[in-house]
């Protein structure tokens, strides 16, 4: 068993939802989907759930990806959390 597989309870491949939040702005959803597709080329954008905050200032996207490895998820999470449009990734 590879070391990466020992450090996670996930079994790969698996469906993995990511909740991505940021300030509501033009192009937010498109940019998030672009970043997600870099790391998960088979990502189905039609499965994105989008929710505005009560006041409308923030928006959250739930993107469910087919994760093939811990490394893939780690790389995706790192790029999303470093993105200037994104406030939180869960």
C-alpha atoms as a PDB file:
ATOM      1  CA  UNK A   1       0.000   0.000   0.000  1.00  0.00           C
ATOM      2  CA  UNK A   2       1.381   3.427  -0.964  1.00  0.00           C
ATOM      3  CA  UNK A   3       2.020   5.960   1.778  1.00  0.00           C
ATOM      4  CA  UNK A   4      -0.702   8.317   0.427  1.00  0.00           C
ATOM      5  CA  UNK A   5      -3.269   5.561   0.760  1.00  0.00           C
ATOM      6  CA  UNK A   6      -2.286   5.015   4.393  1.00  0.00           C
ATOM      7  CA  UNK A   7      -2.893   8.646   5.367  1.00  0.00           C
ATOM      8  CA  UNK A   8      -6.556   8.789   4.338  1.00  0.00           C
ATOM      9  CA  UNK A   9      -9.708   6.887   5.154  1.00  0.00           C
ATOM     10  CA  UNK A  10     -11.045   7.414   1.647  1.00  0.00           C
ATOM     11  CA  UNK A  11     -11.141   4.586  -0.850  1.00  0.00           C
ATOM     12  CA  UNK A  12     -10.299   5.663  -4.377  1.00  0.00           C
ATOM     13  CA  UNK A  13     -11.870   6.298  -6.756  1.00  0.00           C
ATOM     14  CA  UNK A  14     -14.709   8.031  -4.915  1.00  0.00           C
ATOM     15  CA  UNK A  15     -17.190  10.841  -5.318  1.00  0.00           C
ATOM     16  CA  UNK A  16     -15.925  13.794  -3.259  1.00  0.00           C
ATOM     17  CA  UNK A  17     -17.942  17.000  -2.728  1.00  0.00           C
ATOM     18  CA  UNK A  18     -16.060  20.289  -2.327  1.00  0.00           C
ATOM     19  CA  UNK A  19     -17.882  23.352  -1.016  1.00  0.00           C
ATOM     20  CA  UNK A  20     -16.229  26.492  -2.367  1.00  0.00           C
ATOM     21  CA  UNK A  21     -17.249  29.936  -1.113  1.00  0.00           C
ATOM     22  CA  UNK A  22     -16.418  33.450  -2.201  1.00  0.00           C
ATOM     23  CA  UNK A  23     -17.773  36.938  -2.714  1.00  0.00           C
ATOM     24  CA  UNK A  24     -20.502  37.067  -5.361  1.00  0.00           C
ATOM     25  CA  UNK A  25     -18.933  38.423  -8.558  1.00  0.00           C
ATOM     26  CA  UNK A  26     -19.131  37.988 -12.306  1.00  0.00           C
ATOM     27  CA  UNK A  27     -17.242  34.949 -13.528  1.00  0.00           C
ATOM     28  CA  UNK A  28     -16.900  33.291 -10.092  1.00  0.00           C
ATOM     29  CA  UNK A  29     -18.605  30.014 -11.043  1.00  0.00           C
ATOM     30  CA  UNK A  30     -16.814  29.800 -14.387  1.00  0.00           C
ATOM     31  CA  UNK A  31     -13.417  30.354 -12.763  1.00  0.00           C
ATOM     32  CA  UNK A  32     -14.068  27.748 -10.077  1.00  0.00           C
ATOM     33  CA  UNK A  33     -15.119  25.189 -12.676  1.00  0.00           C
ATOM     34  CA  UNK A  34     -12.012  25.973 -14.740  1.00  0.00           C
ATOM     35  CA  UNK A  35      -9.740  25.271 -11.740  1.00  0.00           C
ATOM     36  CA  UNK A  36     -11.632  22.107 -10.780  1.00  0.00           C
ATOM     37  CA  UNK A  37     -11.399  20.745 -14.333  1.00  0.00           C
ATOM     38  CA  UNK A  38      -7.607  21.158 -14.320  1.00  0.00           C
ATOM     39  CA  UNK A  39      -7.393  18.584 -11.521  1.00  0.00           C
ATOM     40  CA  UNK A  40     -10.479  16.523 -12.383  1.00  0.00           C
ATOM     41  CA  UNK A  41     -10.791  16.541 -16.196  1.00  0.00           C
ATOM     42  CA  UNK A  42     -13.903  14.338 -16.062  1.00  0.00           C
ATOM     43  CA  UNK A  43     -15.690  16.814 -13.752  1.00  0.00           C
ATOM     44  CA  UNK A  44     -19.339  17.233 -14.793  1.00  0.00           C
ATOM     45  CA  UNK A  45     -20.179  20.945 -14.474  1.00  0.00           C
ATOM     46  CA  UNK A  46     -23.904  20.155 -14.667  1.00  0.00           C
ATOM     47  CA  UNK A  47     -23.617  18.666 -11.162  1.00  0.00           C
ATOM     48  CA  UNK A  48     -22.574  21.971  -9.546  1.00  0.00           C
ATOM     49  CA  UNK A  49     -24.927  23.227  -6.842  1.00  0.00           C
ATOM     50  CA  UNK A  50     -24.888  27.005  -6.439  1.00  0.00           C
ATOM     51  CA  UNK A  51     -26.314  28.854  -3.425  1.00  0.00           C
ATOM     52  CA  UNK A  52     -26.205  32.571  -2.632  1.00  0.00           C
ATOM     53  CA  UNK A  53     -25.956  33.718   0.988  1.00  0.00           C
ATOM     54  CA  UNK A  54     -29.061  35.233   2.591  1.00  0.00           C
ATOM     55  CA  UNK A  55     -27.847  38.766   1.899  1.00  0.00           C
ATOM     56  CA  UNK A  56     -26.444  37.871  -1.519  1.00  0.00           C
ATOM     57  CA  UNK A  57     -22.906  39.061  -0.758  1.00  0.00           C
ATOM     58  CA  UNK A  58     -21.435  35.546  -0.876  1.00  0.00           C
ATOM     59  CA  UNK A  59     -21.973  32.505  -3.044  1.00  0.00           C
ATOM     60  CA  UNK A  60     -21.145  28.855  -2.492  1.00  0.00           C
ATOM     61  CA  UNK A  61     -20.607  26.185  -5.094  1.00  0.00           C
ATOM     62  CA  UNK A  62     -20.645  22.508  -4.280  1.00  0.00           C
ATOM     63  CA  UNK A  63     -18.600  20.650  -6.878  1.00  0.00           C
ATOM     64  CA  UNK A  64     -18.592  16.867  -6.682  1.00  0.00           C
ATOM     65  CA  UNK A  65     -15.529  15.358  -8.322  1.00  0.00           C
ATOM     66  CA  UNK A  66     -14.483  11.787  -8.925  1.00  0.00           C
ATOM     67  CA  UNK A  67     -11.319  11.634  -6.845  1.00  0.00           C
ATOM     68  CA  UNK A  68      -8.719   9.113  -7.945  1.00  0.00           C
ATOM     69  CA  UNK A  69      -6.056   9.770  -5.287  1.00  0.00           C
ATOM     70  CA  UNK A  70      -5.233  11.731  -2.158  1.00  0.00           C
ATOM     71  CA  UNK A  71      -2.591  13.599  -4.157  1.00  0.00           C
ATOM     72  CA  UNK A  72      -5.215  14.738  -6.676  1.00  0.00           C
ATOM     73  CA  UNK A  73      -7.469  16.055  -3.891  1.00  0.00           C
ATOM     74  CA  UNK A  74      -4.553  17.733  -2.111  1.00  0.00           C
ATOM     75  CA  UNK A  75      -3.459  19.513  -5.294  1.00  0.00           C
ATOM     76  CA  UNK A  76      -6.997  20.640  -6.056  1.00  0.00           C
ATOM     77  CA  UNK A  77      -7.528  21.880  -2.496  1.00  0.00           C
ATOM     78  CA  UNK A  78      -4.201  23.777  -2.535  1.00  0.00           C
ATOM     79  CA  UNK A  79      -5.009  25.546  -5.800  1.00  0.00           C
ATOM     80  CA  UNK A  80      -8.537  26.439  -4.695  1.00  0.00           C
ATOM     81  CA  UNK A  81      -7.476  27.792  -1.295  1.00  0.00           C
ATOM     82  CA  UNK A  82      -4.740  29.908  -2.915  1.00  0.00           C
ATOM     83  CA  UNK A  83      -7.132  31.446  -5.468  1.00  0.00           C
ATOM     84  CA  UNK A  84      -7.842  35.144  -4.845  1.00  0.00           C
ATOM     85  CA  UNK A  85     -11.586  34.806  -5.606  1.00  0.00           C
ATOM     86  CA  UNK A  86     -12.087  32.076  -3.003  1.00  0.00           C
ATOM     87  CA  UNK A  87     -12.596  32.710   0.713  1.00  0.00           C
ATOM     88  CA  UNK A  88     -13.226  29.160   2.040  1.00  0.00           C
ATOM     89  CA  UNK A  89     -13.000  25.567   0.774  1.00  0.00           C
ATOM     90  CA  UNK A  90     -14.583  22.753   2.768  1.00  0.00           C
END
